[in-house]
Amino acid sequence: PQLAITPSDTTPAYGTNTRIYTDFAEPGGGPVVGEQMALLRWDSSAGGWEEIATAPTGADGVATFTVSPTSKATYTVGVDVGSDPTVPLDDAGRTITPHVYLSAPWTSSSTLKRTTTYTCYATLRPEHPAGQKTVLFKTYRLVNGSYRYYKTFYGTNADYLTYTRSSARIRLPYSGKWKVLGWTASDAGHAQTTGPARYVTVK
């Protein structure tokens, strides 16, 4: 049989639903209908594939699965014949690498003084080690109708409830409109992430 595995997104937002489509066809190209397929996820600690869901192929030979990854994961499929473990039909699989969750930055006020230094915060999930500088706060000043890059401030991680809060001391020395956003580099489990912007006024 011919097999195609297609994720709807290979770098989705953190924890959002992502579909994996499995197109199963006969050697001549006709769909394999009503076959019970199993979705498998690579378990690095066990060194093997773990079955996490099953679904039948429809009239078009496609079985659809939904996953919500919060860290990098590799998926493949096999035919569910009731045995354990299910044998994968494609050993390579497909890898999905989500972004981290990174909130819009915030300060104590949306109106700042150009002579004052403020603490800027952002929420980061999943938890990252305290003390590391994972989040960069990038600042942009509105000049002639467009935001121009000004400076990057490096945030420091701190444990907060079940997630990480990053903070940096920033000062924006010119009056006007500003944009501040958080950014994280890619790592072993997540894709590079740019968070939503926060707009402030400096007087």
C-alpha atoms as a PDB file:
ATOM      1  CA  PRO A   1       0.000   0.000   0.000  1.00  0.00           C
ATOM      2  CA  GLN A   2       0.949   3.628  -0.529  1.00  0.00           C
ATOM      3  CA  LEU A   3       1.053   5.949   2.476  1.00  0.00           C
ATOM      4  CA  ALA A   4       1.207   9.720   2.891  1.00  0.00           C
ATOM      5  CA  ILE A   5       1.364  11.413   6.305  1.00  0.00           C
ATOM      6  CA  THR A   6       0.684  15.153   6.279  1.00  0.00           C
ATOM      7  CA  PRO A   7       0.524  17.441   9.345  1.00  0.00           C
ATOM      8  CA  SER A   8      -1.645  20.551   8.965  1.00  0.00           C
ATOM      9  CA  ASP A   9       1.182  22.587  10.525  1.00  0.00           C
ATOM     10  CA  THR A  10       4.734  21.583  11.436  1.00  0.00           C
ATOM     11  CA  THR A  11       5.351  24.588  13.722  1.00  0.00           C
ATOM     12  CA  PRO A  12       2.005  25.270  15.425  1.00  0.00           C
ATOM     13  CA  ALA A  13       1.301  27.558  18.335  1.00  0.00           C
ATOM     14  CA  TYR A  14       1.947  26.057  21.754  1.00  0.00           C
ATOM     15  CA  GLY A  15      -0.634  23.415  22.688  1.00  0.00           C
ATOM     16  CA  THR A  16      -3.027  24.159  19.810  1.00  0.00           C
ATOM     17  CA  ASN A  17      -4.889  21.446  17.920  1.00  0.00           C
ATOM     18  CA  THR A  18      -2.937  20.216  14.896  1.00  0.00           C
ATOM     19  CA  ARG A  19      -4.316  17.654  12.473  1.00  0.00           C
ATOM     20  CA  ILE A  20      -2.369  14.779  11.001  1.00  0.00           C
ATOM     21  CA  TYR A  21      -3.818  13.348   7.787  1.00  0.00           C
ATOM     22  CA  THR A  22      -3.021   9.778   6.754  1.00  0.00           C
ATOM     23  CA  ASP A  23      -3.738   8.944   3.131  1.00  0.00           C
ATOM     24  CA  PHE A  24      -3.714   5.151   2.668  1.00  0.00           C
ATOM     25  CA  ALA A  25      -3.989   3.786  -0.868  1.00  0.00           C
ATOM     26  CA  GLU A  26      -3.677   0.508  -2.742  1.00  0.00           C
ATOM     27  CA  PRO A  27      -0.630   0.027  -5.012  1.00  0.00           C
ATOM     28  CA  GLY A  28      -2.822   0.931  -7.982  1.00  0.00           C
ATOM     29  CA  GLY A  29      -3.864   4.201  -6.360  1.00  0.00           C
ATOM     30  CA  GLY A  30      -7.359   3.310  -5.093  1.00  0.00           C
ATOM     31  CA  PRO A  31      -8.170   4.269  -1.485  1.00  0.00           C
ATOM     32  CA  VAL A  32      -8.010   1.731   1.341  1.00  0.00           C
ATOM     33  CA  VAL A  33     -11.429   2.208   2.936  1.00  0.00           C
ATOM     34  CA  GLY A  34     -12.418   1.314   6.510  1.00  0.00           C
ATOM     35  CA  GLU A  35      -8.928   0.365   7.669  1.00  0.00           C
ATOM     36  CA  GLN A  36      -8.352   1.037  11.363  1.00  0.00           C
ATOM     37  CA  MET A  37      -5.209   3.146  11.595  1.00  0.00           C
ATOM     38  CA  ALA A  38      -3.138   3.846  14.690  1.00  0.00           C
ATOM     39  CA  LEU A  39      -1.277   7.090  15.376  1.00  0.00           C
ATOM     40  CA  LEU A  40       2.124   6.470  16.947  1.00  0.00           C
ATOM     41  CA  ARG A  41       4.411   8.926  18.739  1.00  0.00           C
ATOM     42  CA  TRP A  42       8.108   8.328  19.235  1.00  0.00           C
ATOM     43  CA  ASP A  43       8.933   7.768  22.907  1.00  0.00           C
ATOM     44  CA  SER A  44      12.625   8.612  23.311  1.00  0.00           C
ATOM     45  CA  SER A  45      12.768   7.348  26.903  1.00  0.00           C
ATOM     46  CA  ALA A  46      11.536   3.911  25.844  1.00  0.00           C
ATOM     47  CA  GLY A  47      13.280   3.977  22.478  1.00  0.00           C
ATOM     48  CA  GLY A  48      10.174   2.987  20.563  1.00  0.00           C
ATOM     49  CA  TRP A  49       6.805   4.014  19.161  1.00  0.00           C
ATOM     50  CA  GLU A  50       3.834   4.545  21.497  1.00  0.00           C
ATOM     51  CA  GLU A  51       0.262   4.205  20.207  1.00  0.00           C
ATOM     52  CA  ILE A  52      -1.785   7.239  21.213  1.00  0.00           C
ATOM     53  CA  ALA A  53      -4.949   7.148  19.046  1.00  0.00           C
ATOM     54  CA  THR A  54      -6.850   5.153  16.433  1.00  0.00           C
ATOM     55  CA  ALA A  55      -9.142   6.202  13.583  1.00  0.00           C
ATOM     56  CA  PRO A  56     -10.605   4.477  10.495  1.00  0.00           C
ATOM     57  CA  THR A  57      -9.900   5.539   6.936  1.00  0.00           C
ATOM     58  CA  GLY A  58     -12.877   7.113   5.177  1.00  0.00           C
ATOM     59  CA  ALA A  59     -14.183   6.674   1.652  1.00  0.00           C
ATOM     60  CA  ASP A  60     -11.194   8.659   0.381  1.00  0.00           C
ATOM     61  CA  GLY A  61      -8.709   6.477   2.253  1.00  0.00           C
ATOM     62  CA  VAL A  62      -7.852   9.267   4.689  1.00  0.00           C
ATOM     63  CA  ALA A  63      -7.738   8.905   8.487  1.00  0.00           C
ATOM     64  CA  THR A  64      -7.506  12.122  10.496  1.00  0.00           C
ATOM     65  CA  PHE A  65      -5.920  12.533  13.914  1.00  0.00           C
ATOM     66  CA  THR A  66      -5.671  15.577  16.178  1.00  0.00           C
ATOM     67  CA  VAL A  67      -2.704  16.283  18.454  1.00  0.00           C
ATOM     68  CA  SER A  68      -1.886  19.277  20.675  1.00  0.00           C
ATOM     69  CA  PRO A  69       1.892  19.245  21.072  1.00  0.00           C
ATOM     70  CA  THR A  70       3.638  21.352  23.698  1.00  0.00           C
ATOM     71  CA  SER A  71       7.114  20.164  22.731  1.00  0.00           C
ATOM     72  CA  LYS A  72       8.791  18.641  19.687  1.00  0.00           C
ATOM     73  CA  ALA A  73       7.354  15.232  18.771  1.00  0.00           C
ATOM     74  CA  THR A  74       7.597  12.774  15.896  1.00  0.00           C
ATOM     75  CA  TYR A  75       4.503  10.910  14.698  1.00  0.00           C
ATOM     76  CA  THR A  76       3.858   8.040  12.332  1.00  0.00           C
ATOM     77  CA  VAL A  77       1.024   5.591  11.685  1.00  0.00           C
ATOM     78  CA  GLY A  78       0.436   1.870  11.504  1.00  0.00           C
ATOM     79  CA  VAL A  79      -2.467  -0.487  10.884  1.00  0.00           C
ATOM     80  CA  ASP A  80      -4.192  -1.269  14.187  1.00  0.00           C
ATOM     81  CA  VAL A  81      -4.532  -5.058  14.247  1.00  0.00           C
ATOM     82  CA  GLY A  82      -4.949  -5.343  18.005  1.00  0.00           C
ATOM     83  CA  SER A  83      -1.347  -6.351  18.632  1.00  0.00           C
ATOM     84  CA  ASP A  84       1.110  -4.553  20.848  1.00  0.00           C
ATOM     85  CA  PRO A  85       3.178  -2.838  19.695  1.00  0.00           C
ATOM     86  CA  THR A  86       1.662  -1.601  16.434  1.00  0.00           C
ATOM     87  CA  VAL A  87       4.204  -1.790  13.627  1.00  0.00           C
ATOM     88  CA  PRO A  88       4.827   1.606  11.991  1.00  0.00           C
ATOM     89  CA  LEU A  89       4.332   1.835   8.244  1.00  0.00           C
ATOM     90  CA  ASP A  90       6.807   4.707   7.975  1.00  0.00           C
ATOM     91  CA  ASP A  91       9.796   4.581  10.335  1.00  0.00           C
ATOM     92  CA  ALA A  92      10.834   8.155   9.562  1.00  0.00           C
ATOM     93  CA  GLY A  93       7.552   9.710  10.681  1.00  0.00           C
ATOM     94  CA  ARG A  94       6.757  13.412  10.637  1.00  0.00           C
ATOM     95  CA  THR A  95       8.100  15.849  13.215  1.00  0.00           C
ATOM     96  CA  ILE A  96       6.037  18.692  14.676  1.00  0.00           C
ATOM     97  CA  THR A  97       7.918  21.419  16.553  1.00  0.00           C
ATOM     98  CA  PRO A  98       5.586  23.891  18.299  1.00  0.00           C
ATOM     99  CA  HIS A  99       6.421  27.409  19.357  1.00  0.00           C
ATOM    100  CA  VAL A 100       6.638  28.237  23.035  1.00  0.00           C
ATOM    101  CA  TYR A 101       3.799  30.236  24.558  1.00  0.00           C
ATOM    102  CA  LEU A 102       5.038  33.801  24.932  1.00  0.00           C
ATOM    103  CA  SER A 103       2.704  36.546  26.100  1.00  0.00           C
ATOM    104  CA  ALA A 104       2.723  40.178  25.075  1.00  0.00           C
ATOM    105  CA  PRO A 105       5.125  42.111  27.338  1.00  0.00           C
ATOM    106  CA  TRP A 106       3.713  44.389  30.001  1.00  0.00           C
ATOM    107  CA  THR A 107       4.857  47.085  32.435  1.00  0.00           C
ATOM    108  CA  SER A 108       3.167  48.854  35.315  1.00  0.00           C
ATOM    109  CA  SER A 109       1.580  51.322  32.894  1.00  0.00           C
ATOM    110  CA  SER A 110       0.991  51.841  29.188  1.00  0.00           C
ATOM    111  CA  THR A 111       2.237  55.409  29.549  1.00  0.00           C
ATOM    112  CA  LEU A 112       5.918  55.662  30.495  1.00  0.00           C
ATOM    113  CA  LYS A 113       8.303  58.471  31.350  1.00  0.00           C
ATOM    114  CA  ARG A 114      11.421  58.760  29.202  1.00  0.00           C
ATOM    115  CA  THR A 115      13.587  59.472  32.273  1.00  0.00           C
ATOM    116  CA  THR A 116      12.430  56.410  34.224  1.00  0.00           C
ATOM    117  CA  THR A 117      13.503  52.760  34.103  1.00  0.00           C
ATOM    118  CA  TYR A 118      10.703  50.191  34.262  1.00  0.00           C
ATOM    119  CA  THR A 119      10.472  46.441  34.735  1.00  0.00           C
ATOM    120  CA  CYS A 120       9.023  44.721  31.679  1.00  0.00           C
ATOM    121  CA  TYR A 121       7.516  41.223  32.064  1.00  0.00           C
ATOM    122  CA  ALA A 122       6.420  38.362  29.831  1.00  0.00           C
ATOM    123  CA  THR A 123       4.920  34.942  30.543  1.00  0.00           C
ATOM    124  CA  LEU A 124       6.695  31.912  29.072  1.00  0.00           C
ATOM    125  CA  ARG A 125       5.473  28.320  28.786  1.00  0.00           C
ATOM    126  CA  PRO A 126       6.625  25.630  29.285  1.00  0.00           C
ATOM    127  CA  GLU A 127       8.751  26.271  32.335  1.00  0.00           C
ATOM    128  CA  HIS A 128      12.349  27.242  31.620  1.00  0.00           C
ATOM    129  CA  PRO A 129      15.228  27.201  34.124  1.00  0.00           C
ATOM    130  CA  ALA A 130      15.278  30.154  36.500  1.00  0.00           C
ATOM    131  CA  GLY A 131      18.144  32.556  35.981  1.00  0.00           C
ATOM    132  CA  GLN A 132      18.539  31.898  32.261  1.00  0.00           C
ATOM    133  CA  LYS A 133      18.012  34.663  29.712  1.00  0.00           C
ATOM    134  CA  THR A 134      15.524  32.987  27.378  1.00  0.00           C
ATOM    135  CA  VAL A 135      13.363  35.971  26.389  1.00  0.00           C
ATOM    136  CA  LEU A 136      14.670  38.984  24.516  1.00  0.00           C
ATOM    137  CA  PHE A 137      12.559  42.136  24.692  1.00  0.00           C
ATOM    138  CA  LYS A 138      12.879  44.005  21.406  1.00  0.00           C
ATOM    139  CA  THR A 139      11.835  47.656  21.276  1.00  0.00           C
ATOM    140  CA  TYR A 140      10.759  49.745  18.288  1.00  0.00           C
ATOM    141  CA  ARG A 141      10.033  53.472  18.060  1.00  0.00           C
ATOM    142  CA  LEU A 142       7.416  54.950  15.730  1.00  0.00           C
ATOM    143  CA  VAL A 143       9.216  57.275  13.309  1.00  0.00           C
ATOM    144  CA  ASN A 144       7.529  58.810  10.244  1.00  0.00           C
ATOM    145  CA  GLY A 145       4.726  56.290  10.289  1.00  0.00           C
ATOM    146  CA  SER A 146       6.745  53.087  10.750  1.00  0.00           C
ATOM    147  CA  TYR A 147       8.281  51.323  13.740  1.00  0.00           C
ATOM    148  CA  ARG A 148      12.079  51.341  13.702  1.00  0.00           C
ATOM    149  CA  TYR A 149      14.178  49.001  15.803  1.00  0.00           C
ATOM    150  CA  TYR A 150      15.797  50.673  18.802  1.00  0.00           C
ATOM    151  CA  LYS A 151      17.303  48.195  21.271  1.00  0.00           C
ATOM    152  CA  THR A 152      17.091  44.670  22.711  1.00  0.00           C
ATOM    153  CA  PHE A 153      16.841  44.085  26.459  1.00  0.00           C
ATOM    154  CA  TYR A 154      17.624  40.630  27.862  1.00  0.00           C
ATOM    155  CA  GLY A 155      15.059  39.175  30.241  1.00  0.00           C
ATOM    156  CA  THR A 156      15.885  36.882  33.163  1.00  0.00           C
ATOM    157  CA  ASN A 157      13.728  33.844  33.941  1.00  0.00           C
ATOM    158  CA  ALA A 158      12.030  33.351  37.296  1.00  0.00           C
ATOM    159  CA  ASP A 159       9.758  30.541  38.511  1.00  0.00           C
ATOM    160  CA  TYR A 160       6.144  31.665  38.838  1.00  0.00           C
ATOM    161  CA  LEU A 161       3.340  29.234  39.694  1.00  0.00           C
ATOM    162  CA  THR A 162       3.452  26.558  36.951  1.00  0.00           C
ATOM    163  CA  TYR A 163       5.234  28.631  34.320  1.00  0.00           C
ATOM    164  CA  THR A 164       8.117  31.039  33.826  1.00  0.00           C
ATOM    165  CA  ARG A 165       8.028  34.799  34.110  1.00  0.00           C
ATOM    166  CA  SER A 166      10.789  36.695  32.347  1.00  0.00           C
ATOM    167  CA  SER A 167      11.640  40.273  33.275  1.00  0.00           C
ATOM    168  CA  ALA A 168      14.019  42.979  32.114  1.00  0.00           C
ATOM    169  CA  ARG A 169      14.718  46.541  33.185  1.00  0.00           C
ATOM    170  CA  ILE A 170      14.069  48.857  30.248  1.00  0.00           C
ATOM    171  CA  ARG A 171      14.202  52.581  29.572  1.00  0.00           C
ATOM    172  CA  LEU A 172      12.837  54.201  26.424  1.00  0.00           C
ATOM    173  CA  PRO A 173      14.523  57.616  26.231  1.00  0.00           C
ATOM    174  CA  TYR A 174      12.480  59.344  23.529  1.00  0.00           C
ATOM    175  CA  SER A 175       8.933  60.649  23.607  1.00  0.00           C
ATOM    176  CA  GLY A 176       6.387  59.090  21.289  1.00  0.00           C
ATOM    177  CA  LYS A 177       4.807  55.750  20.433  1.00  0.00           C
ATOM    178  CA  TRP A 178       6.717  52.514  21.022  1.00  0.00           C
ATOM    179  CA  LYS A 179       6.274  48.818  20.356  1.00  0.00           C
ATOM    180  CA  VAL A 180       7.729  46.117  22.618  1.00  0.00           C
ATOM    181  CA  LEU A 181       7.706  42.405  21.829  1.00  0.00           C
ATOM    182  CA  GLY A 182       9.259  39.257  23.219  1.00  0.00           C
ATOM    183  CA  TRP A 183      11.381  36.820  21.218  1.00  0.00           C
ATOM    184  CA  THR A 184      12.906  33.405  21.943  1.00  0.00           C
ATOM    185  CA  ALA A 185      15.408  31.392  19.923  1.00  0.00           C
ATOM    186  CA  SER A 186      14.655  27.852  18.811  1.00  0.00           C
ATOM    187  CA  ASP A 187      15.787  25.065  21.141  1.00  0.00           C
ATOM    188  CA  ALA A 188      15.662  21.274  21.319  1.00  0.00           C
ATOM    189  CA  GLY A 189      11.921  21.231  21.899  1.00  0.00           C
ATOM    190  CA  HIS A 190      10.505  24.382  20.342  1.00  0.00           C
ATOM    191  CA  ALA A 191      10.599  26.614  17.285  1.00  0.00           C
ATOM    192  CA  GLN A 192      11.783  30.217  17.317  1.00  0.00           C
ATOM    193  CA  THR A 193       8.962  32.359  18.683  1.00  0.00           C
ATOM    194  CA  THR A 194       7.970  36.007  18.414  1.00  0.00           C
ATOM    195  CA  GLY A 195       5.231  36.977  20.846  1.00  0.00           C
ATOM    196  CA  PRO A 196       2.477  39.554  20.336  1.00  0.00           C
ATOM    197  CA  ALA A 197       3.420  43.210  20.616  1.00  0.00           C
ATOM    198  CA  ARG A 198       2.620  45.659  23.387  1.00  0.00           C
ATOM    199  CA  TYR A 199       2.237  49.324  22.462  1.00  0.00           C
ATOM    200  CA  VAL A 200       3.186  52.072  24.900  1.00  0.00           C
ATOM    201  CA  THR A 201       3.412  55.842  24.937  1.00  0.00           C
ATOM    202  CA  VAL A 202       6.506  57.576  26.264  1.00  0.00           C
ATOM    203  CA  LYS A 203       6.284  61.141  27.562  1.00  0.00           C
END
